[in-house]
N, C-alpha and C. Protein backbone atom coordinates (compact mmCIF):
# COMPACT_ATOMS: atom_id res chain seq x y z
N MET A 1 -12.37 -20.61 3.43
CA MET A 1 -11.60 -19.86 4.40
C MET A 1 -11.43 -18.42 3.90
N ALA A 2 -11.63 -17.47 4.77
CA ALA A 2 -11.52 -16.05 4.41
C ALA A 2 -10.06 -15.69 4.13
N SER A 3 -9.85 -14.79 3.18
CA SER A 3 -8.50 -14.34 2.87
C SER A 3 -8.22 -12.98 3.50
N PHE A 4 -8.95 -12.66 4.54
CA PHE A 4 -8.76 -11.40 5.23
C PHE A 4 -8.99 -11.60 6.72
N LEU A 5 -8.55 -10.63 7.50
CA LEU A 5 -8.81 -10.63 8.94
C LEU A 5 -9.90 -9.60 9.21
N GLN A 6 -10.84 -9.98 10.01
CA GLN A 6 -11.88 -9.04 10.38
C GLN A 6 -11.72 -8.68 11.84
N ILE A 7 -11.56 -7.40 12.10
CA ILE A 7 -11.43 -6.92 13.47
C ILE A 7 -12.71 -6.18 13.79
N PRO A 8 -13.49 -6.68 14.74
CA PRO A 8 -14.77 -6.04 15.07
C PRO A 8 -14.58 -4.60 15.53
N ASP A 9 -15.55 -3.75 15.23
CA ASP A 9 -15.49 -2.34 15.62
C ASP A 9 -15.35 -2.16 17.13
N ASP A 10 -15.90 -3.07 17.90
CA ASP A 10 -15.86 -2.93 19.35
C ASP A 10 -14.65 -3.64 19.98
N ASP A 11 -13.71 -4.13 19.15
CA ASP A 11 -12.52 -4.80 19.67
C ASP A 11 -11.69 -3.81 20.48
N LYS A 12 -11.33 -4.20 21.67
CA LYS A 12 -10.58 -3.32 22.57
C LYS A 12 -9.07 -3.37 22.33
N GLY A 13 -8.60 -4.33 21.54
CA GLY A 13 -7.17 -4.42 21.30
C GLY A 13 -6.43 -5.05 22.47
N TYR A 14 -5.14 -4.76 22.55
CA TYR A 14 -4.26 -5.36 23.55
C TYR A 14 -3.71 -4.29 24.48
N GLU A 15 -3.45 -4.68 25.72
CA GLU A 15 -2.85 -3.77 26.68
C GLU A 15 -1.41 -3.45 26.27
N LEU A 16 -0.99 -2.24 26.54
CA LEU A 16 0.36 -1.81 26.16
C LEU A 16 1.45 -2.61 26.85
N LYS A 17 1.15 -3.13 28.04
CA LYS A 17 2.19 -3.82 28.81
C LYS A 17 2.69 -5.10 28.14
N VAL A 18 1.99 -5.60 27.12
CA VAL A 18 2.46 -6.81 26.44
C VAL A 18 3.33 -6.49 25.22
N PHE A 19 3.61 -5.19 24.99
CA PHE A 19 4.43 -4.76 23.85
C PHE A 19 5.58 -3.89 24.31
N CYS A 20 6.58 -3.80 23.47
CA CYS A 20 7.66 -2.85 23.68
C CYS A 20 7.25 -1.56 22.96
N VAL A 21 6.80 -0.60 23.72
CA VAL A 21 6.33 0.67 23.16
C VAL A 21 7.40 1.73 23.40
N PRO A 22 7.79 2.46 22.34
CA PRO A 22 8.77 3.52 22.53
C PRO A 22 8.31 4.51 23.61
N LYS A 23 9.24 4.92 24.43
CA LYS A 23 8.94 5.78 25.58
C LYS A 23 8.13 7.02 25.17
N HIS A 24 8.48 7.62 24.03
CA HIS A 24 7.81 8.85 23.63
C HIS A 24 6.36 8.64 23.18
N TYR A 25 5.93 7.39 23.04
CA TYR A 25 4.52 7.11 22.71
C TYR A 25 3.69 6.69 23.92
N GLU A 26 4.33 6.35 25.02
CA GLU A 26 3.63 5.78 26.17
C GLU A 26 2.47 6.65 26.67
N GLU A 27 2.64 7.94 26.69
CA GLU A 27 1.60 8.84 27.20
C GLU A 27 0.46 9.03 26.19
N ASP A 28 0.72 8.76 24.93
CA ASP A 28 -0.28 9.01 23.88
C ASP A 28 -1.12 7.79 23.52
N LEU A 29 -0.68 6.61 23.90
CA LEU A 29 -1.38 5.38 23.53
C LEU A 29 -2.14 4.78 24.70
N GLU A 30 -3.26 4.18 24.40
CA GLU A 30 -4.00 3.45 25.43
C GLU A 30 -3.90 1.94 25.19
N ARG A 31 -4.04 1.51 23.94
CA ARG A 31 -4.03 0.09 23.60
C ARG A 31 -3.47 -0.08 22.19
N VAL A 32 -3.11 -1.31 21.85
CA VAL A 32 -2.65 -1.65 20.50
C VAL A 32 -3.76 -2.47 19.84
N ILE A 33 -4.28 -1.97 18.74
CA ILE A 33 -5.36 -2.66 18.03
C ILE A 33 -4.79 -3.78 17.16
N ILE A 34 -3.79 -3.45 16.33
CA ILE A 34 -3.20 -4.43 15.43
C ILE A 34 -1.69 -4.44 15.66
N PRO A 35 -1.15 -5.52 16.21
CA PRO A 35 0.29 -5.59 16.47
C PRO A 35 1.11 -5.58 15.18
N HIS A 36 2.31 -5.02 15.26
CA HIS A 36 3.19 -4.91 14.11
C HIS A 36 3.45 -6.27 13.44
N GLY A 37 3.66 -7.30 14.24
CA GLY A 37 3.92 -8.63 13.69
C GLY A 37 2.78 -9.13 12.84
N LEU A 38 1.57 -8.85 13.25
CA LEU A 38 0.39 -9.25 12.47
C LEU A 38 0.33 -8.48 11.16
N ILE A 39 0.66 -7.20 11.19
CA ILE A 39 0.69 -6.40 9.96
C ILE A 39 1.74 -6.95 9.01
N MET A 40 2.92 -7.28 9.53
CA MET A 40 3.98 -7.82 8.68
C MET A 40 3.60 -9.19 8.11
N ASP A 41 2.94 -10.02 8.90
CA ASP A 41 2.49 -11.32 8.41
C ASP A 41 1.48 -11.15 7.27
N ARG A 42 0.54 -10.25 7.45
CA ARG A 42 -0.47 -10.01 6.40
C ARG A 42 0.16 -9.38 5.16
N THR A 43 1.20 -8.56 5.35
CA THR A 43 1.92 -7.97 4.22
C THR A 43 2.63 -9.07 3.43
N GLU A 44 3.25 -10.01 4.14
CA GLU A 44 3.90 -11.13 3.46
C GLU A 44 2.88 -11.98 2.71
N ARG A 45 1.72 -12.21 3.33
CA ARG A 45 0.66 -12.99 2.67
C ARG A 45 0.19 -12.29 1.40
N LEU A 46 0.06 -10.97 1.46
CA LEU A 46 -0.34 -10.20 0.29
C LEU A 46 0.71 -10.32 -0.81
N ALA A 47 1.99 -10.24 -0.44
CA ALA A 47 3.07 -10.40 -1.42
C ALA A 47 3.00 -11.78 -2.07
N ARG A 48 2.76 -12.81 -1.29
CA ARG A 48 2.63 -14.17 -1.85
C ARG A 48 1.46 -14.26 -2.82
N ASP A 49 0.34 -13.65 -2.44
CA ASP A 49 -0.84 -13.68 -3.32
C ASP A 49 -0.56 -12.94 -4.63
N ILE A 50 0.13 -11.82 -4.56
CA ILE A 50 0.46 -11.05 -5.77
C ILE A 50 1.37 -11.86 -6.68
N VAL A 51 2.44 -12.42 -6.11
CA VAL A 51 3.39 -13.21 -6.90
C VAL A 51 2.68 -14.41 -7.54
N HIS A 52 1.82 -15.06 -6.77
CA HIS A 52 1.08 -16.20 -7.30
C HIS A 52 0.11 -15.77 -8.40
N ASP A 53 -0.66 -14.73 -8.15
CA ASP A 53 -1.70 -14.29 -9.10
C ASP A 53 -1.12 -13.72 -10.38
N ILE A 54 0.04 -13.06 -10.31
CA ILE A 54 0.61 -12.42 -11.50
C ILE A 54 1.27 -13.46 -12.41
N GLY A 55 1.57 -14.64 -11.86
CA GLY A 55 2.05 -15.75 -12.67
C GLY A 55 3.32 -15.52 -13.45
N GLY A 56 4.28 -14.81 -12.90
CA GLY A 56 5.56 -14.61 -13.58
C GLY A 56 5.57 -13.48 -14.59
N HIS A 57 4.45 -12.79 -14.78
CA HIS A 57 4.40 -11.66 -15.71
C HIS A 57 5.00 -10.41 -15.08
N HIS A 58 5.51 -9.53 -15.91
CA HIS A 58 6.09 -8.27 -15.44
C HIS A 58 5.05 -7.42 -14.74
N ILE A 59 5.48 -6.75 -13.67
CA ILE A 59 4.58 -5.87 -12.93
C ILE A 59 5.29 -4.53 -12.68
N VAL A 60 4.55 -3.46 -12.85
CA VAL A 60 5.05 -2.13 -12.51
C VAL A 60 4.48 -1.79 -11.14
N ALA A 61 5.35 -1.64 -10.15
CA ALA A 61 4.92 -1.28 -8.80
C ALA A 61 5.04 0.23 -8.67
N LEU A 62 3.89 0.87 -8.43
CA LEU A 62 3.82 2.32 -8.40
C LEU A 62 3.42 2.77 -7.00
N CYS A 63 4.31 3.51 -6.35
CA CYS A 63 4.05 3.98 -4.99
C CYS A 63 3.60 5.43 -5.02
N VAL A 64 2.48 5.69 -4.35
CA VAL A 64 2.01 7.06 -4.20
C VAL A 64 2.62 7.60 -2.91
N LEU A 65 3.52 8.57 -3.08
CA LEU A 65 4.21 9.16 -1.93
C LEU A 65 3.33 10.18 -1.24
N LYS A 66 3.52 10.44 -0.04
CA LYS A 66 4.60 10.02 0.83
C LYS A 66 4.14 8.87 1.71
N GLY A 67 2.86 8.85 2.05
CA GLY A 67 2.36 7.93 3.05
C GLY A 67 2.48 6.46 2.72
N GLY A 68 2.47 6.09 1.46
CA GLY A 68 2.51 4.68 1.10
C GLY A 68 3.90 4.07 1.09
N PHE A 69 4.94 4.89 1.32
CA PHE A 69 6.30 4.42 1.13
C PHE A 69 6.71 3.25 2.01
N LYS A 70 6.45 3.31 3.31
CA LYS A 70 6.91 2.25 4.22
C LYS A 70 6.25 0.91 3.90
N PHE A 71 4.94 0.93 3.72
CA PHE A 71 4.25 -0.31 3.36
C PHE A 71 4.74 -0.82 2.01
N PHE A 72 4.93 0.08 1.05
CA PHE A 72 5.43 -0.27 -0.27
C PHE A 72 6.79 -0.96 -0.16
N ALA A 73 7.69 -0.40 0.64
CA ALA A 73 9.02 -0.99 0.81
C ALA A 73 8.92 -2.38 1.44
N ASP A 74 8.08 -2.52 2.46
CA ASP A 74 7.92 -3.84 3.10
C ASP A 74 7.34 -4.85 2.12
N LEU A 75 6.33 -4.46 1.37
CA LEU A 75 5.70 -5.35 0.40
C LEU A 75 6.71 -5.80 -0.66
N LEU A 76 7.49 -4.85 -1.19
CA LEU A 76 8.49 -5.20 -2.20
C LEU A 76 9.59 -6.08 -1.63
N ASP A 77 9.98 -5.85 -0.37
CA ASP A 77 10.98 -6.73 0.26
C ASP A 77 10.48 -8.18 0.29
N PHE A 78 9.22 -8.36 0.66
CA PHE A 78 8.66 -9.72 0.67
C PHE A 78 8.58 -10.29 -0.74
N MET A 79 8.19 -9.47 -1.71
CA MET A 79 8.11 -9.95 -3.10
C MET A 79 9.49 -10.34 -3.62
N LYS A 80 10.50 -9.54 -3.31
CA LYS A 80 11.87 -9.86 -3.75
C LYS A 80 12.36 -11.16 -3.11
N ALA A 81 12.07 -11.37 -1.84
CA ALA A 81 12.45 -12.61 -1.16
C ALA A 81 11.75 -13.80 -1.81
N LEU A 82 10.48 -13.64 -2.13
CA LEU A 82 9.75 -14.72 -2.80
C LEU A 82 10.32 -14.99 -4.18
N ASN A 83 10.73 -13.95 -4.89
CA ASN A 83 11.32 -14.12 -6.23
C ASN A 83 12.57 -14.99 -6.19
N GLN A 84 13.28 -14.96 -5.09
CA GLN A 84 14.51 -15.76 -4.97
C GLN A 84 14.21 -17.23 -4.71
N ASN A 85 12.97 -17.54 -4.32
CA ASN A 85 12.65 -18.90 -3.92
C ASN A 85 11.53 -19.55 -4.75
N VAL A 86 11.28 -19.03 -5.94
CA VAL A 86 10.25 -19.62 -6.80
C VAL A 86 10.86 -19.99 -8.14
N ASP A 87 10.18 -20.90 -8.83
CA ASP A 87 10.67 -21.33 -10.14
C ASP A 87 10.56 -20.22 -11.18
N LYS A 88 9.49 -19.44 -11.11
CA LYS A 88 9.25 -18.38 -12.08
C LYS A 88 9.09 -17.06 -11.34
N SER A 89 10.14 -16.24 -11.37
CA SER A 89 10.10 -14.99 -10.62
C SER A 89 9.27 -13.94 -11.36
N VAL A 90 8.86 -12.92 -10.62
CA VAL A 90 8.06 -11.83 -11.16
C VAL A 90 8.99 -10.65 -11.42
N PRO A 91 9.19 -10.28 -12.69
CA PRO A 91 10.00 -9.09 -12.97
C PRO A 91 9.29 -7.84 -12.45
N LEU A 92 10.04 -6.98 -11.77
CA LEU A 92 9.47 -5.78 -11.16
C LEU A 92 10.13 -4.52 -11.68
N THR A 93 9.32 -3.53 -11.96
CA THR A 93 9.79 -2.18 -12.21
C THR A 93 9.14 -1.31 -11.16
N VAL A 94 9.90 -0.39 -10.59
CA VAL A 94 9.40 0.44 -9.50
C VAL A 94 9.39 1.91 -9.93
N ASP A 95 8.32 2.61 -9.56
CA ASP A 95 8.25 4.04 -9.83
C ASP A 95 7.50 4.71 -8.69
N PHE A 96 7.68 6.02 -8.57
CA PHE A 96 7.06 6.80 -7.50
C PHE A 96 6.36 8.01 -8.08
N ILE A 97 5.19 8.33 -7.52
CA ILE A 97 4.48 9.53 -7.92
C ILE A 97 3.93 10.21 -6.66
N ARG A 98 3.54 11.45 -6.82
CA ARG A 98 2.80 12.16 -5.78
C ARG A 98 1.51 12.63 -6.43
N LEU A 99 0.46 12.69 -5.63
CA LEU A 99 -0.83 13.16 -6.12
C LEU A 99 -1.21 14.43 -5.37
N LYS A 100 -1.78 15.35 -6.10
CA LYS A 100 -2.34 16.54 -5.49
C LYS A 100 -3.79 16.59 -5.94
N SER A 101 -4.70 16.48 -4.96
CA SER A 101 -6.10 16.36 -5.34
C SER A 101 -7.00 17.46 -4.80
N TYR A 102 -6.48 18.37 -4.01
CA TYR A 102 -7.36 19.37 -3.42
C TYR A 102 -6.93 20.77 -3.81
N CYS A 103 -7.87 21.52 -4.29
CA CYS A 103 -7.67 22.94 -4.55
C CYS A 103 -8.80 23.67 -3.85
N ASN A 104 -8.45 24.52 -2.92
CA ASN A 104 -9.47 25.27 -2.17
C ASN A 104 -10.48 24.33 -1.52
N ASP A 105 -10.02 23.25 -0.91
CA ASP A 105 -10.86 22.28 -0.21
C ASP A 105 -11.85 21.55 -1.12
N GLN A 106 -11.66 21.59 -2.41
CA GLN A 106 -12.53 20.89 -3.35
C GLN A 106 -11.73 19.80 -4.06
N SER A 107 -12.29 18.61 -4.13
CA SER A 107 -11.62 17.51 -4.82
C SER A 107 -12.25 17.34 -6.19
N ASN A 108 -11.80 18.15 -7.14
CA ASN A 108 -12.38 18.05 -8.47
C ASN A 108 -11.35 17.75 -9.54
N SER A 109 -10.09 17.68 -9.18
CA SER A 109 -9.07 17.28 -10.13
C SER A 109 -7.91 16.65 -9.36
N VAL A 110 -7.22 15.73 -10.01
CA VAL A 110 -6.07 15.06 -9.41
C VAL A 110 -4.89 15.31 -10.33
N LYS A 111 -3.81 15.84 -9.77
CA LYS A 111 -2.60 16.06 -10.54
C LYS A 111 -1.56 15.04 -10.13
N VAL A 112 -0.94 14.40 -11.09
CA VAL A 112 0.13 13.44 -10.85
C VAL A 112 1.45 14.17 -10.99
N ILE A 113 2.27 14.10 -9.95
CA ILE A 113 3.55 14.78 -9.95
C ILE A 113 4.65 13.73 -9.91
N GLY A 114 5.58 13.81 -10.85
CA GLY A 114 6.70 12.88 -10.90
C GLY A 114 6.36 11.60 -11.63
N GLY A 115 7.28 10.66 -11.57
CA GLY A 115 7.08 9.38 -12.24
C GLY A 115 7.22 9.50 -13.75
N ASP A 116 7.19 8.37 -14.41
CA ASP A 116 7.24 8.35 -15.87
C ASP A 116 5.90 8.82 -16.42
N GLU A 117 5.87 9.08 -17.69
CA GLU A 117 4.63 9.44 -18.37
C GLU A 117 3.61 8.32 -18.15
N LEU A 118 2.41 8.68 -17.69
CA LEU A 118 1.39 7.68 -17.37
C LEU A 118 0.99 6.83 -18.56
N SER A 119 1.12 7.38 -19.76
CA SER A 119 0.73 6.60 -20.95
C SER A 119 1.62 5.38 -21.14
N THR A 120 2.82 5.37 -20.52
CA THR A 120 3.70 4.21 -20.64
C THR A 120 3.17 3.01 -19.85
N LEU A 121 2.17 3.24 -19.00
CA LEU A 121 1.59 2.15 -18.21
C LEU A 121 0.49 1.41 -18.95
N THR A 122 0.06 1.93 -20.08
CA THR A 122 -1.02 1.30 -20.84
C THR A 122 -0.66 -0.14 -21.21
N GLY A 123 -1.56 -1.05 -20.89
CA GLY A 123 -1.39 -2.45 -21.22
C GLY A 123 -0.48 -3.22 -20.28
N LYS A 124 0.00 -2.58 -19.22
CA LYS A 124 0.90 -3.24 -18.28
C LYS A 124 0.15 -3.61 -17.00
N ASN A 125 0.70 -4.58 -16.28
CA ASN A 125 0.19 -4.93 -14.96
C ASN A 125 0.74 -3.90 -13.98
N VAL A 126 -0.13 -3.11 -13.37
CA VAL A 126 0.30 -2.03 -12.47
C VAL A 126 -0.25 -2.30 -11.08
N LEU A 127 0.65 -2.31 -10.11
CA LEU A 127 0.29 -2.43 -8.71
C LEU A 127 0.46 -1.05 -8.09
N ILE A 128 -0.63 -0.43 -7.66
CA ILE A 128 -0.58 0.90 -7.06
C ILE A 128 -0.71 0.77 -5.55
N VAL A 129 0.25 1.35 -4.84
CA VAL A 129 0.22 1.33 -3.38
C VAL A 129 0.11 2.77 -2.90
N GLU A 130 -0.96 3.04 -2.14
CA GLU A 130 -1.14 4.36 -1.54
C GLU A 130 -1.63 4.19 -0.12
N ASP A 131 -1.61 5.27 0.64
CA ASP A 131 -1.97 5.15 2.05
C ASP A 131 -3.41 5.49 2.34
N ILE A 132 -4.05 6.28 1.52
CA ILE A 132 -5.43 6.68 1.81
C ILE A 132 -6.27 6.48 0.56
N VAL A 133 -7.33 5.71 0.71
CA VAL A 133 -8.28 5.55 -0.37
C VAL A 133 -9.50 6.37 0.01
N GLU A 134 -9.82 7.34 -0.81
CA GLU A 134 -10.96 8.19 -0.49
C GLU A 134 -12.25 7.50 -0.89
N THR A 135 -13.35 8.15 -0.65
CA THR A 135 -14.65 7.53 -0.89
C THR A 135 -14.87 7.19 -2.36
N GLY A 136 -14.27 7.96 -3.26
CA GLY A 136 -14.46 7.72 -4.68
C GLY A 136 -15.77 8.25 -5.21
N GLU A 137 -16.59 8.83 -4.36
CA GLU A 137 -17.90 9.31 -4.78
C GLU A 137 -17.81 10.38 -5.86
N ASP A 138 -16.80 11.24 -5.79
CA ASP A 138 -16.71 12.34 -6.74
C ASP A 138 -15.79 12.03 -7.91
N TYR A 139 -15.14 10.86 -7.92
CA TYR A 139 -14.14 10.61 -8.93
C TYR A 139 -14.71 10.38 -10.32
N GLY A 140 -16.00 10.18 -10.45
CA GLY A 140 -16.58 10.10 -11.79
C GLY A 140 -16.46 11.40 -12.52
N LYS A 141 -16.31 12.51 -11.79
CA LYS A 141 -16.21 13.84 -12.35
C LYS A 141 -14.78 14.38 -12.26
N THR A 142 -13.86 13.56 -11.80
CA THR A 142 -12.50 14.03 -11.55
C THR A 142 -11.66 13.94 -12.81
N THR A 143 -10.82 14.94 -13.00
CA THR A 143 -9.87 14.96 -14.10
C THR A 143 -8.50 14.63 -13.55
N ILE A 144 -7.81 13.70 -14.20
CA ILE A 144 -6.45 13.33 -13.78
C ILE A 144 -5.50 13.86 -14.82
N THR A 145 -4.53 14.65 -14.39
CA THR A 145 -3.54 15.21 -15.29
C THR A 145 -2.15 14.99 -14.73
N ALA A 146 -1.17 14.92 -15.62
CA ALA A 146 0.23 14.77 -15.21
C ALA A 146 0.90 16.14 -15.24
N GLU A 147 1.79 16.36 -14.29
CA GLU A 147 2.55 17.61 -14.26
C GLU A 147 3.95 17.35 -14.72
């Protein structure tokens, strides 16, 4: 059984009339591709998989701001709820960082802003949540520095 949902590229989604859409979005939307409830269900499933896979070991949850915050909060809420209902809970430490990766439209260095010193993460289980994963094609040449 697959552990993911596959939505075909040609999927038309759902008509707006089957959802409660905020009035200020009605003119801008045509259809709903992925309903909120489905996203929340998959987020809970991901939280369960993380708690199961980490096996009670400490995890540092690192959120890349700003875009990853809402998903990060939802994921941690599910993980905390699961921690209350399992024999062996997962100890969590939470931290936040911001990344700056573009200078003059070139992605040749990434600066980490905020958070603890990155060297403190060495040897730890780190869960990184961010909103945009780039192609990674140029990251072999990228320098990561902390500010």
